[in-house]
Protein backbone atom coordinates (compact mmCIF):
# COMPACT_ATOMS: atom_id res chain seq x y z
CA MET A 1 -4.93 -24.14 -26.87
CA GLU A 2 -6.38 -22.15 -29.77
CA LYS A 3 -4.47 -20.22 -32.40
CA THR A 4 -5.59 -16.75 -33.42
CA GLY A 5 -3.38 -15.40 -36.17
CA GLN A 6 0.17 -15.61 -34.83
CA GLU A 7 -0.99 -15.58 -31.20
CA ILE A 8 -1.52 -18.60 -28.97
CA ILE A 9 -4.06 -18.11 -26.20
CA PRO A 10 -5.69 -20.52 -23.73
CA SER A 11 -9.08 -21.95 -24.71
CA ALA A 12 -12.15 -19.97 -23.68
CA GLY A 13 -13.72 -21.22 -20.45
CA THR A 14 -10.45 -22.75 -19.21
CA PRO A 15 -10.49 -22.91 -15.38
CA TYR A 16 -7.42 -22.20 -13.27
CA PHE A 17 -6.80 -22.38 -9.54
CA LEU A 18 -4.58 -19.66 -8.13
CA THR A 19 -2.30 -21.99 -6.15
CA GLU A 20 -1.60 -24.01 -9.30
CA VAL A 21 -0.32 -21.03 -11.33
CA LEU A 22 1.52 -19.09 -8.63
CA GLY A 23 5.26 -19.58 -9.09
CA THR A 24 4.88 -20.44 -12.77
CA HIS A 25 7.85 -19.29 -14.88
CA VAL A 26 7.22 -16.24 -17.05
CA PHE A 27 8.90 -16.06 -20.47
CA ILE A 28 9.48 -13.58 -23.28
CA LYS A 29 9.54 -16.03 -26.18
CA ASP A 30 12.04 -18.63 -24.87
CA LYS A 31 13.77 -16.34 -22.35
CA LYS A 32 12.83 -16.80 -18.70
CA ILE A 33 12.35 -13.47 -16.93
CA GLY A 34 10.86 -14.44 -13.55
CA LYS A 35 7.98 -16.17 -11.76
CA LEU A 36 4.35 -15.22 -11.27
CA ASP A 37 4.05 -13.81 -7.76
CA ASP A 38 0.47 -12.52 -7.86
CA PHE A 39 -2.41 -11.18 -9.93
CA VAL A 40 -3.73 -7.63 -9.66
CA ILE A 41 -7.53 -7.52 -9.97
CA VAL A 42 -10.33 -5.02 -10.34
CA ASP A 43 -13.18 -6.02 -8.06
CA GLY A 44 -16.57 -6.07 -9.77
CA ASP A 45 -20.01 -6.84 -8.40
CA LYS A 46 -20.55 -10.32 -9.85
CA ILE A 47 -17.00 -11.10 -10.89
CA ALA A 48 -13.49 -9.66 -10.57
CA GLU A 49 -11.15 -9.15 -13.51
CA VAL A 50 -7.38 -9.69 -13.61
CA THR A 51 -5.64 -6.56 -14.92
CA HIS A 52 -1.93 -7.28 -14.34
CA LEU A 53 0.62 -9.97 -13.57
CA TYR A 54 2.97 -9.20 -10.69
CA VAL A 55 6.24 -10.96 -11.59
CA PHE A 56 9.08 -11.65 -9.16
CA ARG A 57 12.61 -11.60 -10.60
CA PRO A 58 15.68 -13.25 -9.03
CA PHE A 59 19.11 -11.81 -8.17
CA GLY A 60 17.74 -8.59 -6.73
CA TYR A 61 16.11 -7.34 -9.94
CA PRO A 62 12.98 -5.27 -9.21
CA PRO A 63 9.58 -6.91 -9.83
CA LEU A 64 7.54 -6.36 -12.99
CA LEU A 65 3.92 -5.31 -13.40
CA ILE A 66 2.76 -6.64 -16.77
CA PRO A 67 -0.73 -5.88 -18.19
CA TRP A 68 -2.90 -8.94 -18.74
CA GLU A 69 -3.39 -8.12 -22.42
CA LYS A 70 0.33 -8.83 -22.94
CA VAL A 71 -0.19 -12.50 -21.97
CA LYS A 72 -0.11 -14.82 -24.96
CA VAL A 73 0.12 -18.22 -23.24
CA MET A 74 -0.80 -19.26 -19.71
CA THR A 75 -0.63 -22.81 -18.39
CA THR A 76 0.43 -24.24 -15.04
CA ARG A 77 3.87 -24.84 -16.60
CA GLU A 78 4.58 -21.54 -18.36
CA ILE A 79 3.34 -18.03 -19.00
CA VAL A 80 4.49 -16.29 -22.15
CA VAL A 81 4.16 -12.52 -22.48
CA ASP A 82 4.54 -10.36 -25.57
CA ILE A 83 6.82 -7.52 -24.47
CA ASP A 84 10.10 -6.31 -25.90
CA ASP A 85 11.86 -4.73 -22.91
CA PRO A 86 11.08 -5.96 -19.35
CA GLU A 87 12.57 -2.79 -17.84
CA LYS A 88 9.63 -0.78 -19.20
CA TYR A 89 7.37 -2.72 -16.82
CA VAL A 90 9.39 -2.38 -13.63
CA GLY A 91 7.21 -1.35 -10.71
CA GLY A 92 4.59 -2.41 -8.24
CA PRO A 93 0.82 -2.12 -7.92
CA ASN A 94 -0.70 1.31 -7.45
CA GLU A 95 -1.97 2.31 -4.03
CA GLY A 96 -5.36 0.75 -3.47
CA ALA A 97 -4.77 -2.04 -6.01
CA ILE A 98 -5.95 -5.50 -4.95
CA LEU A 99 -3.47 -8.38 -5.05
CA LEU A 100 -5.29 -11.69 -5.28
CA ARG A 101 -2.81 -13.90 -3.43
CA ASP A 102 -1.72 -11.29 -0.93
CA TYR A 103 -5.15 -9.91 -0.08
CA VAL A 104 -7.57 -12.83 -0.56
CA LEU A 105 -5.76 -16.18 -0.23
CA ASP A 106 -5.77 -17.55 3.34
CA LYS A 107 -8.15 -14.82 4.51
CA LYS A 108 -10.95 -15.68 6.89
CA VAL A 109 -14.41 -15.75 5.31
CA LEU A 110 -16.92 -13.84 7.42
CA ASP A 111 -20.67 -13.52 7.15
CA LEU A 112 -22.60 -10.27 7.47
CA GLU A 113 -22.51 -10.54 11.25
CA GLY A 114 -18.72 -10.82 11.30
CA LYS A 115 -18.81 -14.51 12.27
CA GLU A 116 -16.15 -16.76 10.74
CA VAL A 117 -17.28 -19.32 8.19
CA ASP A 118 -13.96 -20.70 6.94
CA VAL A 119 -10.69 -19.80 5.24
CA VAL A 120 -9.99 -19.15 1.55
CA TYR A 121 -7.70 -22.02 0.56
CA ASP A 122 -7.73 -21.26 -3.16
CA VAL A 123 -9.27 -18.99 -5.79
CA LYS A 124 -10.85 -20.16 -9.03
CA LEU A 125 -10.25 -18.15 -12.20
CA ILE A 126 -12.00 -18.49 -15.58
CA LEU A 127 -10.70 -17.39 -18.99
CA ARG A 128 -13.37 -15.84 -21.21
CA SER A 129 -12.91 -13.76 -24.35
CA ASN A 130 -9.16 -13.51 -23.70
CA LYS A 131 -9.81 -11.99 -20.27
CA LEU A 132 -9.14 -13.69 -16.92
CA TYR A 133 -11.82 -13.43 -14.25
CA VAL A 134 -12.09 -14.44 -10.60
CA SER A 135 -15.22 -16.56 -10.30
CA GLU A 136 -15.12 -18.31 -6.90
CA VAL A 137 -13.22 -18.63 -3.65
CA ASP A 138 -12.47 -22.20 -2.55
CA ILE A 139 -13.11 -23.15 1.10
CA SER A 140 -13.31 -26.88 0.39
CA GLN A 141 -11.54 -29.73 2.17
CA TYR A 142 -9.91 -30.52 -1.16
CA GLY A 143 -8.53 -26.98 -1.30
CA PHE A 144 -7.20 -27.32 2.26
CA LEU A 145 -5.48 -30.65 1.58
CA LYS A 146 -4.02 -29.31 -1.64
CA ARG A 147 -2.48 -26.41 0.29
CA MET A 148 -1.01 -28.93 2.71
CA ARG A 149 0.56 -30.68 -0.30
CA LEU A 150 -1.74 -33.64 0.22
CA LYS A 151 -3.40 -33.49 -3.17
CA ARG A 152 -3.28 -37.27 -3.64
CA VAL A 153 -4.99 -37.77 -0.29
CA ALA A 154 -7.64 -35.22 -1.26
CA ARG A 155 -8.41 -37.14 -4.44
CA LEU A 156 -8.98 -40.31 -2.43
CA ILE A 157 -11.73 -38.52 -0.49
CA LYS A 158 -13.52 -36.92 -3.44
CA THR A 159 -12.79 -35.87 -6.98
CA PRO A 160 -11.82 -32.19 -7.36
CA GLU A 161 -15.04 -31.60 -9.30
CA GLU A 162 -17.26 -33.09 -6.59
CA THR A 163 -15.50 -31.25 -3.79
CA HIS A 164 -15.32 -27.86 -5.47
CA GLN A 165 -19.03 -28.02 -6.26
CA ASN A 166 -19.81 -28.18 -2.55
CA GLY A 167 -16.89 -26.15 -1.23
CA THR A 168 -16.71 -22.95 -3.24
CA ILE A 169 -18.37 -19.57 -2.79
CA PRO A 170 -19.21 -17.54 -5.93
CA TRP A 171 -17.43 -14.20 -6.14
CA SER A 172 -20.87 -12.60 -6.45
CA TYR A 173 -21.39 -13.53 -2.78
CA ILE A 174 -18.25 -11.64 -1.77
CA GLN A 175 -18.57 -8.05 -0.62
CA PRO A 176 -16.44 -5.49 -2.49
CA LEU A 177 -12.98 -5.54 -0.95
CA PRO A 178 -12.08 -2.34 0.93
CA ASN A 179 -9.21 -0.20 -0.27
CA ASN A 180 -7.41 -0.47 3.05
CA ILE A 181 -7.23 -4.28 3.03
CA SER A 182 -3.66 -5.55 3.31
CA SER A 183 -1.67 -8.74 3.47
CA PHE A 184 -1.48 -8.36 7.26
CA LYS A 185 -5.08 -7.48 8.13
CA GLY A 186 -8.57 -7.60 6.72
CA ASP A 187 -10.95 -10.46 6.01
CA VAL A 188 -13.13 -11.59 3.14
CA LYS A 189 -16.81 -10.93 3.90
CA LEU A 190 -19.89 -12.54 2.41
CA LYS A 191 -23.07 -10.90 1.17
CA VAL A 192 -25.08 -13.85 2.48
CA MET A 193 -26.19 -14.43 6.06
CA LYS A 194 -24.83 -17.27 8.17
CA GLU A 195 -28.12 -19.12 7.71
CA LYS A 196 -26.62 -20.40 4.44
CA ILE A 197 -24.43 -22.64 6.61
CA SER A 198 -27.52 -24.76 7.28
CA GLU A 199 -27.37 -25.88 3.65
CA ILE A 200 -23.94 -27.49 4.10
CA PRO A 201 -24.22 -31.30 4.62
CA SER A 202 -23.30 -32.41 8.13
CA GLU A 203 -20.37 -34.51 6.84
CA ASP A 204 -18.80 -31.51 5.07
CA LEU A 205 -19.54 -29.20 7.99
CA ALA A 206 -17.79 -31.63 10.34
CA ASP A 207 -14.69 -31.42 8.12
CA ILE A 208 -14.82 -27.60 8.27
CA LEU A 209 -15.21 -27.57 12.05
CA GLU A 210 -12.25 -29.91 12.52
CA GLU A 211 -10.00 -27.49 10.62
CA LEU A 212 -10.92 -24.45 12.73
CA ASP A 213 -9.39 -23.56 16.05
CA HIS A 214 -11.49 -24.20 19.16
CA GLU A 215 -12.98 -20.72 19.54
CA GLN A 216 -13.87 -20.46 15.85
CA ARG A 217 -15.40 -23.93 15.99
CA LEU A 218 -17.51 -23.07 19.00
CA VAL A 219 -18.85 -19.86 17.42
CA LEU A 220 -19.87 -21.64 14.23
CA PHE A 221 -21.34 -24.69 15.98
CA ASN A 222 -23.51 -22.53 18.22
CA GLN A 223 -25.15 -20.99 15.12
CA LEU A 224 -26.53 -24.33 13.93
CA GLU A 225 -30.09 -25.51 14.40
CA THR A 226 -30.37 -28.34 16.94
CA GLU A 227 -31.05 -31.11 14.42
CA HIS A 228 -28.23 -29.99 12.09
CA ALA A 229 -25.86 -29.60 15.04
CA SER A 230 -26.74 -33.09 16.29
CA ASP A 231 -26.08 -34.67 12.88
CA THR A 232 -22.80 -32.75 12.56
CA LEU A 233 -21.65 -33.73 16.06
CA GLU A 234 -21.94 -37.42 15.12
CA GLU A 235 -19.58 -36.91 12.17
CA ILE A 236 -16.83 -35.05 14.06
CA ASN A 237 -13.57 -36.71 15.10
CA PRO A 238 -13.85 -38.06 18.71
CA ASN A 239 -11.06 -35.78 19.99
CA VAL A 240 -12.80 -32.73 18.57
CA GLN A 241 -16.14 -34.04 19.86
CA ARG A 242 -14.75 -34.21 23.37
CA ALA A 243 -13.34 -30.67 23.27
CA LEU A 244 -16.51 -29.26 21.73
CA ILE A 245 -18.92 -30.94 24.13
CA SER A 246 -16.85 -29.89 27.14
CA SER A 247 -17.36 -26.25 26.13
CA LEU A 248 -21.12 -26.49 25.68
CA GLU A 249 -23.75 -26.16 28.38
CA LYS A 250 -25.06 -29.51 29.57
CA LYS A 251 -28.60 -28.54 28.54
CA HIS A 252 -27.37 -27.86 25.01
CA VAL A 253 -25.60 -31.22 24.86
CA ALA A 254 -28.68 -33.00 26.18
CA ALA A 255 -30.80 -31.39 23.45
CA LEU A 256 -28.33 -32.63 20.80
CA ILE A 257 -28.22 -36.12 22.30
CA ASP A 258 -32.01 -36.25 22.37
CA GLU A 259 -32.03 -35.97 18.56
CA MET A 260 -29.93 -39.16 18.25
CA THR A 261 -30.83 -42.83 18.47
CA PRO A 262 -29.66 -44.52 21.70
CA GLY A 263 -26.81 -46.21 19.82
CA GLN A 264 -25.60 -42.96 18.26
CA ALA A 265 -25.87 -41.20 21.61
CA ALA A 266 -23.87 -43.94 23.31
CA ASP A 267 -21.08 -43.56 20.72
CA VAL A 268 -20.84 -39.83 21.40
CA LEU A 269 -21.13 -39.99 25.19
CA ALA A 270 -18.71 -42.90 25.51
CA ILE A 271 -15.77 -40.54 24.87
CA LEU A 272 -16.64 -38.33 27.85
CA PRO A 273 -15.72 -38.69 31.54
CA TRP A 274 -18.38 -40.63 33.43
CA TRP A 275 -19.35 -37.65 35.64
CA ASP A 276 -20.19 -35.64 32.51
CA VAL A 277 -22.16 -38.55 31.06
CA LYS A 278 -24.09 -38.88 34.32
CA ALA A 279 -24.96 -35.17 34.35
CA ILE A 280 -26.16 -35.25 30.73
CA LEU A 281 -28.21 -38.43 31.19
CA LYS A 282 -30.06 -36.78 34.11
CA LEU A 283 -31.38 -34.17 31.66
CA LEU A 284 -32.84 -36.77 29.29
CA ASP A 285 -36.04 -38.77 29.40
CA ALA A 286 -35.50 -41.52 31.98
CA THR A 287 -36.33 -44.36 29.57
CA LYS A 288 -33.97 -43.13 26.88
CA ALA A 289 -31.22 -42.37 29.41
CA LYS A 290 -31.49 -45.93 30.77
CA LYS A 291 -31.17 -47.39 27.26
CA ILE A 292 -28.13 -45.23 26.47
CA LYS A 293 -26.39 -46.24 29.71
CA GLU A 294 -27.04 -49.92 29.00
CA ILE A 295 -25.46 -49.58 25.56
CA ILE A 296 -22.42 -47.70 26.91
CA ASP A 297 -21.89 -50.38 29.54
CA PHE A 298 -22.44 -53.15 27.02
CA HIS A 299 -20.03 -51.64 24.49
CA GLU A 300 -17.29 -51.79 27.11
CA GLU A 301 -17.73 -55.50 27.85
CA LYS A 302 -14.59 -57.54 27.17
CA ILE A 303 -14.69 -59.47 23.92
CA ILE A 304 -13.31 -62.60 25.59
CA ASN A 305 -16.77 -63.02 27.13
CA PHE A 306 -18.18 -63.50 23.62
CA ALA A 307 -15.48 -65.89 22.38
CA THR A 308 -16.00 -69.58 21.81
CA VAL A 309 -13.46 -72.41 22.16
CA ARG A 310 -15.42 -74.58 19.72
CA PHE A 311 -13.39 -73.89 16.59
CA LEU A 312 -11.07 -75.86 14.28
CA ARG A 313 -7.42 -76.27 15.31
CA VAL A 314 -5.05 -77.86 12.83
CA SER A 315 -1.32 -78.60 12.64
CA PRO A 316 0.92 -76.70 10.21
CA ASP A 317 2.41 -79.99 8.97
CA MET A 318 -0.96 -81.50 8.04
CA THR A 319 -1.54 -81.76 4.28
CA VAL A 320 -4.50 -80.20 2.50
CA GLY A 321 -5.77 -83.68 1.62
CA GLN A 322 -5.61 -84.82 5.24
CA ALA A 323 -7.46 -81.70 6.40
CA GLN A 324 -10.16 -82.26 3.79
CA ASP A 325 -10.58 -85.89 4.80
CA GLU A 326 -10.72 -85.11 8.53
CA TYR A 327 -12.86 -81.99 8.17
CA PRO A 328 -16.23 -83.70 8.93
CA LYS A 329 -14.82 -85.12 12.14
CA LEU A 330 -13.01 -81.89 13.11
CA ALA A 331 -16.09 -79.76 12.46
CA LYS A 332 -18.47 -81.87 14.53
CA ASN A 333 -20.05 -79.85 17.39
CA LYS A 334 -17.97 -76.79 16.49
CA VAL A 335 -19.39 -73.28 16.35
CA VAL A 336 -16.85 -71.73 13.96
CA ILE A 337 -16.37 -74.06 10.99
CA MET A 338 -15.60 -71.69 8.09
CA TYR A 339 -11.98 -71.15 9.15
CA LEU A 340 -9.19 -73.56 10.11
CA TYR A 341 -6.78 -72.04 12.63
CA VAL A 342 -3.22 -73.29 12.28
CA VAL A 343 -1.46 -73.55 15.65
CA ASP A 344 1.81 -75.03 16.95
CA ASP A 345 2.12 -77.56 19.79
CA GLN A 346 1.73 -74.74 22.34
CA ASP A 347 -1.47 -73.43 20.73
CA ARG A 348 0.24 -70.32 19.35
CA LEU A 349 -1.58 -68.98 16.30
CA LEU A 350 0.48 -69.35 13.12
CA GLY A 351 -2.11 -68.65 10.46
CA VAL A 352 -5.64 -69.21 9.19
CA ILE A 353 -7.19 -70.97 6.19
CA ASP A 354 -10.63 -70.24 4.76
CA ILE A 355 -12.53 -73.47 4.06
CA LYS A 356 -13.12 -72.29 0.47
CA GLU A 357 -9.39 -71.89 -0.07
CA LEU A 358 -8.76 -75.31 1.47
CA LEU A 359 -11.04 -76.97 -1.08
CA LYS A 360 -9.21 -75.27 -3.97
CA ALA A 361 -5.66 -76.03 -2.75
CA ASP A 362 -3.43 -78.87 -3.95
CA ASP A 363 -4.02 -82.04 -1.89
CA THR A 364 -0.30 -82.58 -1.27
CA ALA A 365 0.44 -79.05 -0.06
CA LEU A 366 1.11 -78.50 3.63
CA LEU A 367 -1.25 -76.22 5.53
CA LYS A 368 1.64 -74.00 6.59
CA ASP A 369 2.30 -73.31 2.90
CA VAL A 370 -1.27 -72.28 2.03
CA MET A 371 -2.32 -70.51 5.24
CA VAL A 372 -2.60 -66.73 5.61
CA GLU A 373 0.11 -65.75 8.07
CA HIS A 374 -0.86 -62.14 8.74
CA VAL A 375 -4.03 -62.60 10.76
CA ILE A 376 -6.26 -59.81 12.05
CA ARG A 377 -6.89 -60.67 15.68
CA LEU A 378 -8.32 -59.38 18.93
CA ALA A 379 -6.87 -59.31 22.43
CA PRO A 380 -8.89 -60.54 25.42
CA GLU A 381 -9.12 -56.99 26.79
CA ASN A 382 -10.59 -55.56 23.58
CA THR A 383 -14.17 -54.40 23.95
CA LEU A 384 -17.31 -55.47 22.14
CA LYS A 385 -17.41 -52.08 20.44
CA GLU A 386 -13.85 -52.49 19.13
CA ALA A 387 -14.66 -55.95 17.81
CA ALA A 388 -17.75 -54.64 16.01
CA ALA A 389 -15.63 -51.98 14.31
CA ILE A 390 -13.20 -54.64 13.02
CA PHE A 391 -16.06 -56.80 11.71
CA VAL A 392 -17.49 -53.78 9.88
CA ARG A 393 -14.10 -52.84 8.43
CA TYR A 394 -12.96 -56.26 7.22
CA GLY A 395 -16.16 -58.28 6.76
CA PHE A 396 -14.76 -61.42 8.46
CA ARG A 397 -17.10 -64.21 9.58
CA ALA A 398 -15.05 -64.78 12.73
CA ILE A 399 -12.02 -63.22 14.44
CA PRO A 400 -9.49 -65.08 16.63
CA VAL A 401 -8.58 -63.88 20.12
CA THR A 402 -4.95 -64.31 21.21
CA ASP A 403 -3.19 -63.47 24.47
CA GLU A 404 0.10 -61.61 24.94
CA LYS A 405 2.05 -64.79 24.06
CA ASN A 406 0.05 -65.26 20.84
CA LYS A 407 -1.79 -68.25 22.29
CA LEU A 408 -5.16 -68.79 20.64
CA VAL A 409 -7.68 -68.53 23.50
CA GLY A 410 -10.92 -68.27 21.53
CA VAL A 411 -12.72 -67.15 18.39
CA VAL A 412 -15.51 -64.59 18.13
CA PRO A 413 -18.21 -65.40 15.53
CA TYR A 414 -19.64 -62.53 13.50
CA ARG A 415 -23.23 -63.31 14.44
CA ASP A 416 -22.51 -63.26 18.17
CA VAL A 417 -21.45 -59.62 17.90
CA MET A 418 -23.18 -58.10 14.89
CA ASN A 419 -26.56 -59.74 15.43
CA LEU A 420 -26.84 -57.61 18.58
CA THR A 421 -28.26 -54.91 16.31
CA HIS A 422 -30.36 -53.32 19.02
CA TYR A 423 -27.12 -52.34 20.75
CA PHE A 424 -25.56 -50.69 17.71
CA VAL A 425 -28.43 -48.65 16.24
């Protein structure tokens, strides 16, 4: 904050987001008079200016319309206004006035052709020269998650600064709002053509598509160039992929698939019913279609077929020193030697010990006291594709396979799955 004479005003250039200040308590000195319900704005060409605060009062008292110049302090915790008698400001906006929350927030964003781009999840305001301006509308994933009260989740995806840079539209791109817009009808329209959508990275566009309803998603997706659409399709959630592909013409899907590598194409097509896959593959080059089918079939192979029984089994009551002494003998002719799998007398998996941890442990400790009990494992019916995903996620050098009774039936080495690179690219 800066002090100017006896007045306290926010620092010049301070950014605000509408959803963060709505509901903020409004005070006259230390007396609470209500909560901020909305801003009234005058819509300019490049920027819009806030002219009034619309303040809701409890207990049936009528709302207040307070000129912006009466604001002395505004933070996300309090707004202080310099007025003597609140009753002098009783009233509502004039006819034709634009209410920022009521008329802009949650509106659909349309391009010049009337096609939907996204939804306004928030509005950015900037304080300059003691005046508050509307600078951008926020259509970002961060803005969406924040509205869903998932702000912490949003910050795990990207920082607010990174997300807002890629997910806001300058107010200068917004067409002047019509006088007849209301809280029940009317949309926010852009001055730019839909071709600007091609500049949005496929990862961000996938997030936008997932948030739209099916018809909106289909309209937007059909506007994309083939290469951009193909890249975006790869990034979309499998459930949305399935619904989207089922609504597209087979020729269109085949054109998108043709832009992908065989491995990428197999990932996308694997979620579809086989009769749809067969119809799409018929529209592709025969050589590429054959490769894609081989990968789909291979991905579905059971992981038990890639498991080895040549691994190290040890007793939970063996000491670390005993295991170290017997390791050369135990490891002879074994395929997986970097882990020791602790099992009971019925071969049920109890835990696992990394050889590096074994060498660092106290010689007198029992293996059951140094083993990792919570073991990531596979079931015999898991597929090769599922196993590859676990290797990528956790970075293990091998993964045990256990049956429904927790019996250790095999171990899958990393190299036996992940070295099959020609099946996963």
